Amino acid sequence: MKTVRGFASATVGNVACGFDVLGFAITEPGDEVVLTLTDEVRSGSPVSITAITGDGGALPLDPKKNTSSFVVLKFLEYIRTHKQLDFKGHIALELKKNLPLSSGMGSSAASAAAALVAANELMGNPCSKMELVHFAIEGERVACGSAHADNAAPAILGNFVLIRSYNPLDIIPIPSPENLYCSLVHPHTELRTSYARSVLPASIPLKTAIQQWGNVGALLTGLLTSDYDLIGRALVDVVAEPKRAPLIPGFFEVKRAALDSGALGCSIAGSGPSVFAFSSSEKTASEVGNAMKEAFLHGKTPLRSDLWISPICKQGARIL
């Protein structure tokens, strides 16, 4: 018997202007997955889920329908076919959900990433982290019906990532400035990714697309040159935020509170309802985060919320 514990932290997809092509990881909170390998050979699935905690009973125990176990099954298929590793035992999986569901914090991606690094360690690390990203993306398809990488890739790799192409998959890691901090606020409400995607337009005007492309290019330049002012000017989303903001009670007041408190910029985390802001120091990030919490609490629809202040996570998913 061998047991391995994997961890992957929350992520923020889109990063304002980078819909489905940009994402980054923070250091906490995150999900844990414990895998136990035995020599027992069972009929049916080589992976079983023994326990899930922290989900309120919402997640399926069927290994083919749960993101964390599904990606392990895909990983085992891959190493048998492409790495000539013949797996004959059984893996028992325990999932510890520390991330809220339907939060815009990459909850499903964190579970998948934690499970994958644990499975890789369990099998002797036959795959690189970049290879593991492919399986994590497929886990997103199970979770929300769309195989996007803007949470899955940073959950595995850490830092910022740019997804240049999905077919073929081309993922580019982007380093982050040393003093860039994220204030991530999760209001106590849910917004399902599938619904948040349904409100988006099927097409956008060329003028809008040009503005969005300019912001993406500027944001990447700001990150690579540690130009905090440019990062702030680039955090403008003219595609998704205008459609999704009305789905988040008090969003505009929260964004104004962040900017008035010194944030470089502020936008929706992934599909929401969480909201993130960037600052150029931990002290400012703390002030910004507290102002955002207060704005949620004292809005027209008062909402309690949770706050995390974090630098950008450079390590990605890891073994505990």
C-alpha atoms as a PDB file:
ATOM      1  CA  MET A   1       0.000   0.000   0.000  1.00  0.00           C
ATOM      2  CA  LYS A   2       1.258   3.477  -0.906  1.00  0.00           C
ATOM      3  CA  THR A   3      -0.452   6.804  -0.189  1.00  0.00           C
ATOM      4  CA  VAL A   4       0.228  10.172  -1.832  1.00  0.00           C
ATOM      5  CA  ARG A   5      -1.392  13.542  -1.060  1.00  0.00           C
ATOM      6  CA  GLY A   6      -1.670  16.156  -3.810  1.00  0.00           C
ATOM      7  CA  PHE A   7      -2.599  19.834  -3.519  1.00  0.00           C
ATOM      8  CA  ALA A   8      -3.640  22.455  -6.061  1.00  0.00           C
ATOM      9  CA  SER A   9      -4.706  26.006  -5.348  1.00  0.00           C
ATOM     10  CA  ALA A  10      -7.411  28.318  -6.604  1.00  0.00           C
ATOM     11  CA  THR A  11      -7.017  29.930 -10.002  1.00  0.00           C
ATOM     12  CA  VAL A  12      -8.495  32.902 -11.794  1.00  0.00           C
ATOM     13  CA  GLY A  13      -9.451  32.410 -15.425  1.00  0.00           C
ATOM     14  CA  ASN A  14      -9.878  35.078 -18.108  1.00  0.00           C
ATOM     15  CA  VAL A  15      -7.948  37.719 -16.094  1.00  0.00           C
ATOM     16  CA  ALA A  16     -10.376  40.382 -17.360  1.00  0.00           C
ATOM     17  CA  CYS A  17      -9.460  40.783 -21.035  1.00  0.00           C
ATOM     18  CA  GLY A  18      -8.175  37.240 -21.696  1.00  0.00           C
ATOM     19  CA  PHE A  19     -11.403  35.264 -22.050  1.00  0.00           C
ATOM     20  CA  ASP A  20     -10.524  31.534 -22.170  1.00  0.00           C
ATOM     21  CA  VAL A  21      -6.859  32.276 -23.011  1.00  0.00           C
ATOM     22  CA  LEU A  22      -5.376  33.709 -19.783  1.00  0.00           C
ATOM     23  CA  GLY A  23      -5.293  32.446 -16.215  1.00  0.00           C
ATOM     24  CA  PHE A  24      -3.173  32.543 -13.068  1.00  0.00           C
ATOM     25  CA  ALA A  25      -2.846  30.675  -9.782  1.00  0.00           C
ATOM     26  CA  ILE A  26      -2.775  32.001  -6.226  1.00  0.00           C
ATOM     27  CA  THR A  27      -1.198  30.267  -3.236  1.00  0.00           C
ATOM     28  CA  GLU A  28      -4.354  29.503  -1.240  1.00  0.00           C
ATOM     29  CA  PRO A  29      -6.964  28.187  -0.702  1.00  0.00           C
ATOM     30  CA  GLY A  30      -6.843  24.868  -2.541  1.00  0.00           C
ATOM     31  CA  ASP A  31      -8.122  21.308  -2.811  1.00  0.00           C
ATOM     32  CA  GLU A  32      -6.411  18.158  -1.564  1.00  0.00           C
ATOM     33  CA  VAL A  33      -6.624  14.695  -3.083  1.00  0.00           C
ATOM     34  CA  VAL A  34      -5.324  11.606  -1.294  1.00  0.00           C
ATOM     35  CA  LEU A  35      -4.606   8.553  -3.467  1.00  0.00           C
ATOM     36  CA  THR A  36      -3.917   5.121  -2.014  1.00  0.00           C
ATOM     37  CA  LEU A  37      -2.482   2.437  -4.285  1.00  0.00           C
ATOM     38  CA  THR A  38      -2.981  -1.246  -3.459  1.00  0.00           C
ATOM     39  CA  ASP A  39      -2.175  -4.491  -5.261  1.00  0.00           C
ATOM     40  CA  GLU A  40      -5.847  -5.439  -5.198  1.00  0.00           C
ATOM     41  CA  VAL A  41      -7.294  -6.116  -8.629  1.00  0.00           C
ATOM     42  CA  ARG A  42     -11.010  -5.323  -8.919  1.00  0.00           C
ATOM     43  CA  SER A  43     -13.445  -5.773 -11.738  1.00  0.00           C
ATOM     44  CA  GLY A  44     -14.729  -2.534 -13.216  1.00  0.00           C
ATOM     45  CA  SER A  45     -12.995   0.772 -12.634  1.00  0.00           C
ATOM     46  CA  PRO A  46      -9.357   0.799 -11.444  1.00  0.00           C
ATOM     47  CA  VAL A  47     -10.205   3.937  -9.456  1.00  0.00           C
ATOM     48  CA  SER A  48     -12.821   4.339  -6.728  1.00  0.00           C
ATOM     49  CA  ILE A  49     -13.822   7.321  -4.618  1.00  0.00           C
ATOM     50  CA  THR A  50     -13.827   6.459  -0.920  1.00  0.00           C
ATOM     51  CA  ALA A  51     -14.782   9.874   0.472  1.00  0.00           C
ATOM     52  CA  ILE A  52     -15.532  13.465  -0.452  1.00  0.00           C
ATOM     53  CA  THR A  53     -15.564  16.154   2.222  1.00  0.00           C
ATOM     54  CA  GLY A  54     -16.406  19.828   1.981  1.00  0.00           C
ATOM     55  CA  ASP A  55     -18.837  19.588  -0.952  1.00  0.00           C
ATOM     56  CA  GLY A  56     -22.064  19.278   1.007  1.00  0.00           C
ATOM     57  CA  GLY A  57     -22.875  16.069  -0.837  1.00  0.00           C
ATOM     58  CA  ALA A  58     -23.064  17.814  -4.219  1.00  0.00           C
ATOM     59  CA  LEU A  59     -20.332  15.932  -6.104  1.00  0.00           C
ATOM     60  CA  PRO A  60     -20.811  12.477  -7.670  1.00  0.00           C
ATOM     61  CA  LEU A  61     -19.063   9.388  -6.332  1.00  0.00           C
ATOM     62  CA  ASP A  62     -19.082   7.723  -9.752  1.00  0.00           C
ATOM     63  CA  PRO A  63     -15.397   7.761 -10.832  1.00  0.00           C
ATOM     64  CA  LYS A  64     -16.368   8.489 -14.440  1.00  0.00           C
ATOM     65  CA  LYS A  65     -18.469  11.503 -13.469  1.00  0.00           C
ATOM     66  CA  ASN A  66     -16.264  13.117 -10.826  1.00  0.00           C
ATOM     67  CA  THR A  67     -13.554  15.425 -12.189  1.00  0.00           C
ATOM     68  CA  SER A  68     -10.788  14.255  -9.847  1.00  0.00           C
ATOM     69  CA  SER A  69     -11.227  10.541 -10.550  1.00  0.00           C
ATOM     70  CA  PHE A  70     -12.006  10.994 -14.257  1.00  0.00           C
ATOM     71  CA  VAL A  71      -8.638  12.639 -14.922  1.00  0.00           C
ATOM     72  CA  VAL A  72      -6.845   9.838 -13.073  1.00  0.00           C
ATOM     73  CA  LEU A  73      -8.586   7.291 -15.297  1.00  0.00           C
ATOM     74  CA  LYS A  74      -7.447   9.224 -18.379  1.00  0.00           C
ATOM     75  CA  PHE A  75      -3.917   9.429 -16.974  1.00  0.00           C
ATOM     76  CA  LEU A  76      -3.786   5.661 -16.392  1.00  0.00           C
ATOM     77  CA  GLU A  77      -4.981   5.002 -19.950  1.00  0.00           C
ATOM     78  CA  TYR A  78      -2.289   7.309 -21.301  1.00  0.00           C
ATOM     79  CA  ILE A  79       0.659   5.839 -19.405  1.00  0.00           C
ATOM     80  CA  ARG A  80      -0.409   2.321 -20.366  1.00  0.00           C
ATOM     81  CA  THR A  81      -0.593   3.234 -24.057  1.00  0.00           C
ATOM     82  CA  HIS A  82       2.210   5.800 -24.391  1.00  0.00           C
ATOM     83  CA  LYS A  83       4.588   5.070 -21.510  1.00  0.00           C
ATOM     84  CA  GLN A  84       4.346   1.259 -21.551  1.00  0.00           C
ATOM     85  CA  LEU A  85       3.429   1.192 -17.857  1.00  0.00           C
ATOM     86  CA  ASP A  86       1.078  -1.671 -17.107  1.00  0.00           C
ATOM     87  CA  PHE A  87      -1.163  -0.760 -14.174  1.00  0.00           C
ATOM     88  CA  LYS A  88      -2.858  -3.706 -12.463  1.00  0.00           C
ATOM     89  CA  GLY A  89      -3.670  -2.487  -8.958  1.00  0.00           C
ATOM     90  CA  HIS A  90      -6.398  -0.267  -7.580  1.00  0.00           C
ATOM     91  CA  ILE A  91      -6.402   3.382  -6.577  1.00  0.00           C
ATOM     92  CA  ALA A  92      -8.701   4.636  -3.810  1.00  0.00           C
ATOM     93  CA  LEU A  93      -9.303   8.385  -3.985  1.00  0.00           C
ATOM     94  CA  GLU A  94     -10.288  10.773  -1.195  1.00  0.00           C
ATOM     95  CA  LEU A  95     -11.196  14.333  -2.181  1.00  0.00           C
ATOM     96  CA  LYS A  96     -11.020  17.205   0.291  1.00  0.00           C
ATOM     97  CA  LYS A  97     -12.836  20.229  -1.142  1.00  0.00           C
ATOM     98  CA  ASN A  98     -11.584  23.466   0.355  1.00  0.00           C
ATOM     99  CA  LEU A  99     -12.750  25.562  -2.592  1.00  0.00           C
ATOM    100  CA  PRO A 100     -16.398  26.581  -2.913  1.00  0.00           C
ATOM    101  CA  LEU A 101     -18.337  25.129  -5.837  1.00  0.00           C
ATOM    102  CA  SER A 102     -19.496  27.355  -8.720  1.00  0.00           C
ATOM    103  CA  SER A 103     -17.347  30.168  -7.366  1.00  0.00           C
ATOM    104  CA  GLY A 104     -15.194  31.306 -10.287  1.00  0.00           C
ATOM    105  CA  MET A 105     -12.112  30.136  -8.363  1.00  0.00           C
ATOM    106  CA  GLY A 106     -11.263  27.108 -10.513  1.00  0.00           C
ATOM    107  CA  SER A 107     -12.714  24.583  -8.083  1.00  0.00           C
ATOM    108  CA  SER A 108     -12.966  21.695 -10.558  1.00  0.00           C
ATOM    109  CA  ALA A 109      -9.519  22.463 -11.999  1.00  0.00           C
ATOM    110  CA  ALA A 110      -7.947  22.370  -8.534  1.00  0.00           C
ATOM    111  CA  SER A 111      -9.441  18.939  -7.813  1.00  0.00           C
ATOM    112  CA  ALA A 112      -8.208  17.621 -11.155  1.00  0.00           C
ATOM    113  CA  ALA A 113      -4.729  19.112 -10.770  1.00  0.00           C
ATOM    114  CA  ALA A 114      -4.275  17.772  -7.234  1.00  0.00           C
ATOM    115  CA  ALA A 115      -5.387  14.307  -8.340  1.00  0.00           C
ATOM    116  CA  LEU A 116      -3.072  14.319 -11.347  1.00  0.00           C
ATOM    117  CA  VAL A 117       0.130  15.282  -9.520  1.00  0.00           C
ATOM    118  CA  ALA A 118      -0.685  12.647  -6.887  1.00  0.00           C
ATOM    119  CA  ALA A 119      -1.305   9.967  -9.534  1.00  0.00           C
ATOM    120  CA  ASN A 120       1.874  10.937 -11.373  1.00  0.00           C
ATOM    121  CA  GLU A 121       3.884  10.651  -8.154  1.00  0.00           C
ATOM    122  CA  LEU A 122       2.213   7.351  -7.337  1.00  0.00           C
ATOM    123  CA  MET A 123       3.307   5.912 -10.694  1.00  0.00           C
ATOM    124  CA  GLY A 124       6.884   7.193 -10.570  1.00  0.00           C
ATOM    125  CA  ASN A 125       6.374  10.537 -12.359  1.00  0.00           C
ATOM    126  CA  PRO A 126       6.187   9.257 -15.950  1.00  0.00           C
ATOM    127  CA  CYS A 127       4.619  12.528 -17.195  1.00  0.00           C
ATOM    128  CA  SER A 128       5.738  16.131 -17.226  1.00  0.00           C
ATOM    129  CA  LYS A 129       3.455  18.795 -15.787  1.00  0.00           C
ATOM    130  CA  MET A 130       2.731  20.022 -19.295  1.00  0.00           C
ATOM    131  CA  GLU A 131       1.507  16.537 -20.228  1.00  0.00           C
ATOM    132  CA  LEU A 132      -0.740  16.510 -17.172  1.00  0.00           C
ATOM    133  CA  VAL A 133      -2.435  19.703 -18.358  1.00  0.00           C
ATOM    134  CA  HIS A 134      -4.084  17.756 -21.191  1.00  0.00           C
ATOM    135  CA  PHE A 135      -5.898  15.482 -18.729  1.00  0.00           C
ATOM    136  CA  ALA A 136      -6.895  18.393 -16.476  1.00  0.00           C
ATOM    137  CA  ILE A 137      -8.527  20.111 -19.448  1.00  0.00           C
ATOM    138  CA  GLU A 138     -10.620  17.014 -20.132  1.00  0.00           C
ATOM    139  CA  GLY A 139     -11.713  17.149 -16.511  1.00  0.00           C
ATOM    140  CA  GLU A 140     -13.171  20.595 -17.191  1.00  0.00           C
ATOM    141  CA  ARG A 141     -15.338  19.065 -19.890  1.00  0.00           C
ATOM    142  CA  VAL A 142     -16.816  16.715 -17.277  1.00  0.00           C
ATOM    143  CA  ALA A 143     -17.324  19.564 -14.800  1.00  0.00           C
ATOM    144  CA  CYS A 144     -18.977  22.163 -17.016  1.00  0.00           C
ATOM    145  CA  GLY A 145     -19.204  20.804 -20.569  1.00  0.00           C
ATOM    146  CA  SER A 146     -16.384  22.957 -21.928  1.00  0.00           C
ATOM    147  CA  ALA A 147     -12.740  21.835 -22.148  1.00  0.00           C
ATOM    148  CA  HIS A 148     -11.147  25.206 -21.400  1.00  0.00           C
ATOM    149  CA  ALA A 149      -7.606  25.546 -20.049  1.00  0.00           C
ATOM    150  CA  ASP A 150      -7.511  28.962 -18.368  1.00  0.00           C
ATOM    151  CA  ASN A 151      -8.018  27.352 -14.933  1.00  0.00           C
ATOM    152  CA  ALA A 152      -6.627  23.887 -15.600  1.00  0.00           C
ATOM    153  CA  ALA A 153      -3.250  25.040 -16.944  1.00  0.00           C
ATOM    154  CA  PRO A 154      -2.340  27.448 -14.125  1.00  0.00           C
ATOM    155  CA  ALA A 155      -3.633  24.958 -11.542  1.00  0.00           C
ATOM    156  CA  ILE A 156      -1.013  22.490 -12.783  1.00  0.00           C
ATOM    157  CA  LEU A 157       1.793  24.841 -13.823  1.00  0.00           C
ATOM    158  CA  GLY A 158       1.385  27.838 -11.513  1.00  0.00           C
ATOM    159  CA  ASN A 159       2.081  31.458 -12.454  1.00  0.00           C
ATOM    160  CA  PHE A 160       0.237  32.988 -15.418  1.00  0.00           C
ATOM    161  CA  VAL A 161      -0.450  31.021 -18.583  1.00  0.00           C
ATOM    162  CA  LEU A 162      -1.427  32.036 -22.083  1.00  0.00           C
ATOM    163  CA  ILE A 163      -3.320  29.517 -24.194  1.00  0.00           C
ATOM    164  CA  ARG A 164      -2.237  30.479 -27.718  1.00  0.00           C
ATOM    165  CA  SER A 165      -4.167  27.668 -29.342  1.00  0.00           C
ATOM    166  CA  TYR A 166      -6.517  24.838 -28.388  1.00  0.00           C
ATOM    167  CA  ASN A 167      -6.054  22.840 -31.599  1.00  0.00           C
ATOM    168  CA  PRO A 168      -3.260  21.981 -31.364  1.00  0.00           C
ATOM    169  CA  LEU A 169      -2.919  22.815 -27.695  1.00  0.00           C
ATOM    170  CA  ASP A 170      -0.190  25.439 -27.237  1.00  0.00           C
ATOM    171  CA  ILE A 171       0.282  26.697 -23.672  1.00  0.00           C
ATOM    172  CA  ILE A 172       2.809  29.403 -22.819  1.00  0.00           C
ATOM    173  CA  PRO A 173       3.863  29.962 -19.186  1.00  0.00           C
ATOM    174  CA  ILE A 174       4.185  33.655 -18.298  1.00  0.00           C
ATOM    175  CA  PRO A 175       6.283  34.771 -15.291  1.00  0.00           C
ATOM    176  CA  SER A 176       4.712  37.196 -12.844  1.00  0.00           C
ATOM    177  CA  PRO A 177       6.167  40.347 -11.270  1.00  0.00           C
ATOM    178  CA  GLU A 178       7.558  39.822  -7.761  1.00  0.00           C
ATOM    179  CA  ASN A 179       5.289  42.360  -6.066  1.00  0.00           C
ATOM    180  CA  LEU A 180       2.013  41.536  -7.782  1.00  0.00           C
ATOM    181  CA  TYR A 181      -0.667  40.566  -5.257  1.00  0.00           C
ATOM    182  CA  CYS A 182      -4.209  39.346  -5.751  1.00  0.00           C
ATOM    183  CA  SER A 183      -7.205  40.162  -3.582  1.00  0.00           C
ATOM    184  CA  LEU A 184      -9.793  37.456  -4.241  1.00  0.00           C
ATOM    185  CA  VAL A 185     -13.260  37.899  -2.758  1.00  0.00           C
ATOM    186  CA  HIS A 186     -15.900  35.183  -2.907  1.00  0.00           C
ATOM    187  CA  PRO A 187     -19.439  36.375  -2.089  1.00  0.00           C
ATOM    188  CA  HIS A 188     -21.694  33.741  -0.565  1.00  0.00           C
ATOM    189  CA  THR A 189     -23.710  33.039  -3.690  1.00  0.00           C
ATOM    190  CA  GLU A 190     -23.351  30.643  -6.623  1.00  0.00           C
ATOM    191  CA  LEU A 191     -23.129  31.295 -10.335  1.00  0.00           C
ATOM    192  CA  ARG A 192     -22.883  28.194 -12.479  1.00  0.00           C
ATOM    193  CA  THR A 193     -20.269  28.310 -15.226  1.00  0.00           C
ATOM    194  CA  SER A 194     -22.689  26.892 -17.783  1.00  0.00           C
ATOM    195  CA  TYR A 195     -25.160  29.719 -17.145  1.00  0.00           C
ATOM    196  CA  ALA A 196     -22.453  32.393 -17.095  1.00  0.00           C
ATOM    197  CA  ARG A 197     -21.273  31.159 -20.487  1.00  0.00           C
ATOM    198  CA  SER A 198     -24.811  31.117 -21.881  1.00  0.00           C
ATOM    199  CA  VAL A 199     -25.217  34.890 -21.491  1.00  0.00           C
ATOM    200  CA  LEU A 200     -22.209  35.647 -23.700  1.00  0.00           C
ATOM    201  CA  PRO A 201     -22.722  36.731 -27.322  1.00  0.00           C
ATOM    202  CA  ALA A 202     -21.950  34.245 -30.092  1.00  0.00           C
ATOM    203  CA  SER A 203     -20.106  36.988 -32.002  1.00  0.00           C
ATOM    204  CA  ILE A 204     -18.743  40.460 -31.272  1.00  0.00           C
ATOM    205  CA  PRO A 205     -18.142  43.548 -33.432  1.00  0.00           C
ATOM    206  CA  LEU A 206     -14.678  43.962 -34.936  1.00  0.00           C
ATOM    207  CA  LYS A 207     -14.206  47.220 -33.001  1.00  0.00           C
ATOM    208  CA  THR A 208     -14.796  45.363 -29.733  1.00  0.00           C
ATOM    209  CA  ALA A 209     -12.412  42.569 -30.709  1.00  0.00           C
ATOM    210  CA  ILE A 210      -9.651  45.055 -31.555  1.00  0.00           C
ATOM    211  CA  GLN A 211     -10.011  46.721 -28.163  1.00  0.00           C
ATOM    212  CA  GLN A 212      -9.858  43.354 -26.402  1.00  0.00           C
ATOM    213  CA  TRP A 213      -6.776  42.229 -28.373  1.00  0.00           C
ATOM    214  CA  GLY A 214      -5.008  45.441 -27.456  1.00  0.00           C
ATOM    215  CA  ASN A 215      -5.693  44.892 -23.768  1.00  0.00           C
ATOM    216  CA  VAL A 216      -4.444  41.280 -23.882  1.00  0.00           C
ATOM    217  CA  GLY A 217      -1.207  42.368 -25.548  1.00  0.00           C
ATOM    218  CA  ALA A 218      -0.769  45.199 -23.054  1.00  0.00           C
ATOM    219  CA  LEU A 219      -1.426  42.931 -20.066  1.00  0.00           C
ATOM    220  CA  LEU A 220       1.203  40.413 -21.217  1.00  0.00           C
ATOM    221  CA  THR A 221       3.687  43.219 -21.801  1.00  0.00           C
ATOM    222  CA  GLY A 222       2.987  44.618 -18.341  1.00  0.00           C
ATOM    223  CA  LEU A 223       3.536  41.219 -16.734  1.00  0.00           C
ATOM    224  CA  LEU A 224       6.788  40.578 -18.605  1.00  0.00           C
ATOM    225  CA  THR A 225       8.217  44.030 -17.863  1.00  0.00           C
ATOM    226  CA  SER A 226       6.796  44.438 -14.317  1.00  0.00           C
ATOM    227  CA  ASP A 227       5.004  47.576 -15.485  1.00  0.00           C
ATOM    228  CA  TYR A 228       2.263  47.768 -12.845  1.00  0.00           C
ATOM    229  CA  ASP A 229       0.636  50.836 -14.333  1.00  0.00           C
ATOM    230  CA  LEU A 230       0.305  49.098 -17.687  1.00  0.00           C
ATOM    231  CA  ILE A 231      -1.129  45.998 -15.992  1.00  0.00           C
ATOM    232  CA  GLY A 232      -3.811  48.183 -14.459  1.00  0.00           C
ATOM    233  CA  ARG A 233      -4.645  49.964 -17.727  1.00  0.00           C
ATOM    234  CA  ALA A 234      -4.926  46.605 -19.502  1.00  0.00           C
ATOM    235  CA  LEU A 235      -7.372  44.992 -17.045  1.00  0.00           C
ATOM    236  CA  VAL A 236     -10.378  46.012 -19.107  1.00  0.00           C
ATOM    237  CA  ASP A 237     -12.825  43.404 -20.370  1.00  0.00           C
ATOM    238  CA  VAL A 238     -15.204  44.583 -23.089  1.00  0.00           C
ATOM    239  CA  VAL A 239     -16.498  41.100 -23.961  1.00  0.00           C
ATOM    240  CA  ALA A 240     -17.541  39.022 -20.915  1.00  0.00           C
ATOM    241  CA  GLU A 241     -17.674  41.475 -17.999  1.00  0.00           C
ATOM    242  CA  PRO A 242     -20.455  43.682 -19.435  1.00  0.00           C
ATOM    243  CA  LYS A 243     -22.698  40.606 -19.821  1.00  0.00           C
ATOM    244  CA  ARG A 244     -21.793  38.876 -16.561  1.00  0.00           C
ATOM    245  CA  ALA A 245     -21.570  41.834 -14.184  1.00  0.00           C
ATOM    246  CA  PRO A 246     -25.378  42.078 -13.759  1.00  0.00           C
ATOM    247  CA  LEU A 247     -25.368  38.441 -12.558  1.00  0.00           C
ATOM    248  CA  ILE A 248     -23.220  39.389  -9.533  1.00  0.00           C
ATOM    249  CA  PRO A 249     -25.090  41.502  -6.945  1.00  0.00           C
ATOM    250  CA  GLY A 250     -23.118  44.647  -6.137  1.00  0.00           C
ATOM    251  CA  PHE A 251     -20.342  44.030  -8.662  1.00  0.00           C
ATOM    252  CA  PHE A 252     -19.998  47.630  -9.820  1.00  0.00           C
ATOM    253  CA  GLU A 253     -19.854  48.917  -6.249  1.00  0.00           C
ATOM    254  CA  VAL A 254     -17.255  46.285  -5.374  1.00  0.00           C
ATOM    255  CA  LYS A 255     -15.118  47.213  -8.374  1.00  0.00           C
ATOM    256  CA  ARG A 256     -15.327  50.914  -7.519  1.00  0.00           C
ATOM    257  CA  ALA A 257     -14.345  50.174  -3.910  1.00  0.00           C
ATOM    258  CA  ALA A 258     -11.291  48.234  -5.115  1.00  0.00           C
ATOM    259  CA  LEU A 259     -10.114  50.990  -7.448  1.00  0.00           C
ATOM    260  CA  ASP A 260     -10.735  53.716  -4.869  1.00  0.00           C
ATOM    261  CA  SER A 261      -8.591  51.739  -2.399  1.00  0.00           C
ATOM    262  CA  GLY A 262      -5.596  51.643  -4.726  1.00  0.00           C
ATOM    263  CA  ALA A 263      -6.087  48.518  -6.819  1.00  0.00           C
ATOM    264  CA  LEU A 264      -4.349  48.398 -10.179  1.00  0.00           C
ATOM    265  CA  GLY A 265      -7.494  46.887 -11.651  1.00  0.00           C
ATOM    266  CA  CYS A 266     -10.465  44.707 -10.788  1.00  0.00           C
ATOM    267  CA  SER A 267     -12.683  42.261 -12.661  1.00  0.00           C
ATOM    268  CA  ILE A 268     -14.700  39.063 -12.418  1.00  0.00           C
ATOM    269  CA  ALA A 269     -12.778  35.924 -11.465  1.00  0.00           C
ATOM    270  CA  GLY A 270     -13.486  33.404 -14.197  1.00  0.00           C
ATOM    271  CA  SER A 271     -17.226  33.162 -14.704  1.00  0.00           C
ATOM    272  CA  GLY A 272     -17.944  34.624 -11.237  1.00  0.00           C
ATOM    273  CA  PRO A 273     -19.350  35.333  -8.758  1.00  0.00           C
ATOM    274  CA  SER A 274     -15.901  35.831  -7.182  1.00  0.00           C
ATOM    275  CA  VAL A 275     -14.136  39.099  -7.945  1.00  0.00           C
ATOM    276  CA  PHE A 276     -10.377  39.695  -8.058  1.00  0.00           C
ATOM    277  CA  ALA A 277      -8.163  42.765  -7.937  1.00  0.00           C
ATOM    278  CA  PHE A 278      -4.436  43.279  -8.486  1.00  0.00           C
ATOM    279  CA  SER A 279      -2.224  45.469  -6.314  1.00  0.00           C
ATOM    280  CA  SER A 280       1.494  46.221  -6.298  1.00  0.00           C
ATOM    281  CA  SER A 281       2.003  45.497  -2.592  1.00  0.00           C
ATOM    282  CA  GLU A 282       0.598  43.145   0.045  1.00  0.00           C
ATOM    283  CA  LYS A 283      -0.474  46.097   2.213  1.00  0.00           C
ATOM    284  CA  THR A 284      -2.513  47.656  -0.585  1.00  0.00           C
ATOM    285  CA  ALA A 285      -3.957  44.264  -1.521  1.00  0.00           C
ATOM    286  CA  SER A 286      -5.211  43.831   2.055  1.00  0.00           C
ATOM    287  CA  GLU A 287      -6.832  47.279   2.066  1.00  0.00           C
ATOM    288  CA  VAL A 288      -8.387  46.606  -1.332  1.00  0.00           C
ATOM    289  CA  GLY A 289      -9.739  43.225  -0.261  1.00  0.00           C
ATOM    290  CA  ASN A 290     -11.333  44.601   2.890  1.00  0.00           C
ATOM    291  CA  ALA A 291     -12.960  47.401   0.904  1.00  0.00           C
ATOM    292  CA  MET A 292     -14.378  44.837  -1.537  1.00  0.00           C
ATOM    293  CA  LYS A 293     -15.808  42.765   1.329  1.00  0.00           C
ATOM    294  CA  GLU A 294     -17.451  45.853   2.799  1.00  0.00           C
ATOM    295  CA  ALA A 295     -18.953  46.766  -0.556  1.00  0.00           C
ATOM    296  CA  PHE A 296     -20.507  43.307  -0.897  1.00  0.00           C
ATOM    297  CA  LEU A 297     -21.845  43.453   2.646  1.00  0.00           C
ATOM    298  CA  HIS A 298     -23.413  46.898   2.314  1.00  0.00           C
ATOM    299  CA  GLY A 299     -24.779  46.602  -1.227  1.00  0.00           C
ATOM    300  CA  LYS A 300     -28.434  46.580  -2.265  1.00  0.00           C
ATOM    301  CA  THR A 301     -28.298  42.796  -1.924  1.00  0.00           C
ATOM    302  CA  PRO A 302     -26.046  42.375   1.142  1.00  0.00           C
ATOM    303  CA  LEU A 303     -23.699  39.424   0.811  1.00  0.00           C
ATOM    304  CA  ARG A 304     -21.173  38.037   3.239  1.00  0.00           C
ATOM    305  CA  SER A 305     -17.943  37.020   1.572  1.00  0.00           C
ATOM    306  CA  ASP A 306     -14.564  35.359   2.060  1.00  0.00           C
ATOM    307  CA  LEU A 307     -11.287  37.099   1.301  1.00  0.00           C
ATOM    308  CA  TRP A 308      -7.847  35.788   0.378  1.00  0.00           C
ATOM    309  CA  ILE A 309      -4.754  37.942  -0.110  1.00  0.00           C
ATOM    310  CA  SER A 310      -2.076  36.149  -2.074  1.00  0.00           C
ATOM    311  CA  PRO A 311       0.965  36.567  -4.269  1.00  0.00           C
ATOM    312  CA  ILE A 312       0.911  34.706  -7.555  1.00  0.00           C
ATOM    313  CA  CYS A 313       1.591  30.984  -6.986  1.00  0.00           C
ATOM    314  CA  LYS A 314       4.766  30.104  -8.859  1.00  0.00           C
ATOM    315  CA  GLN A 315       4.855  26.387  -8.000  1.00  0.00           C
ATOM    316  CA  GLY A 316       1.515  25.079  -9.236  1.00  0.00           C
ATOM    317  CA  ALA A 317       0.094  21.739  -8.131  1.00  0.00           C
ATOM    318  CA  ARG A 318       2.371  19.858  -5.745  1.00  0.00           C
ATOM    319  CA  ILE A 319       2.795  16.891  -3.437  1.00  0.00           C
ATOM    320  CA  LEU A 320       2.207  17.571   0.263  1.00  0.00           C
END
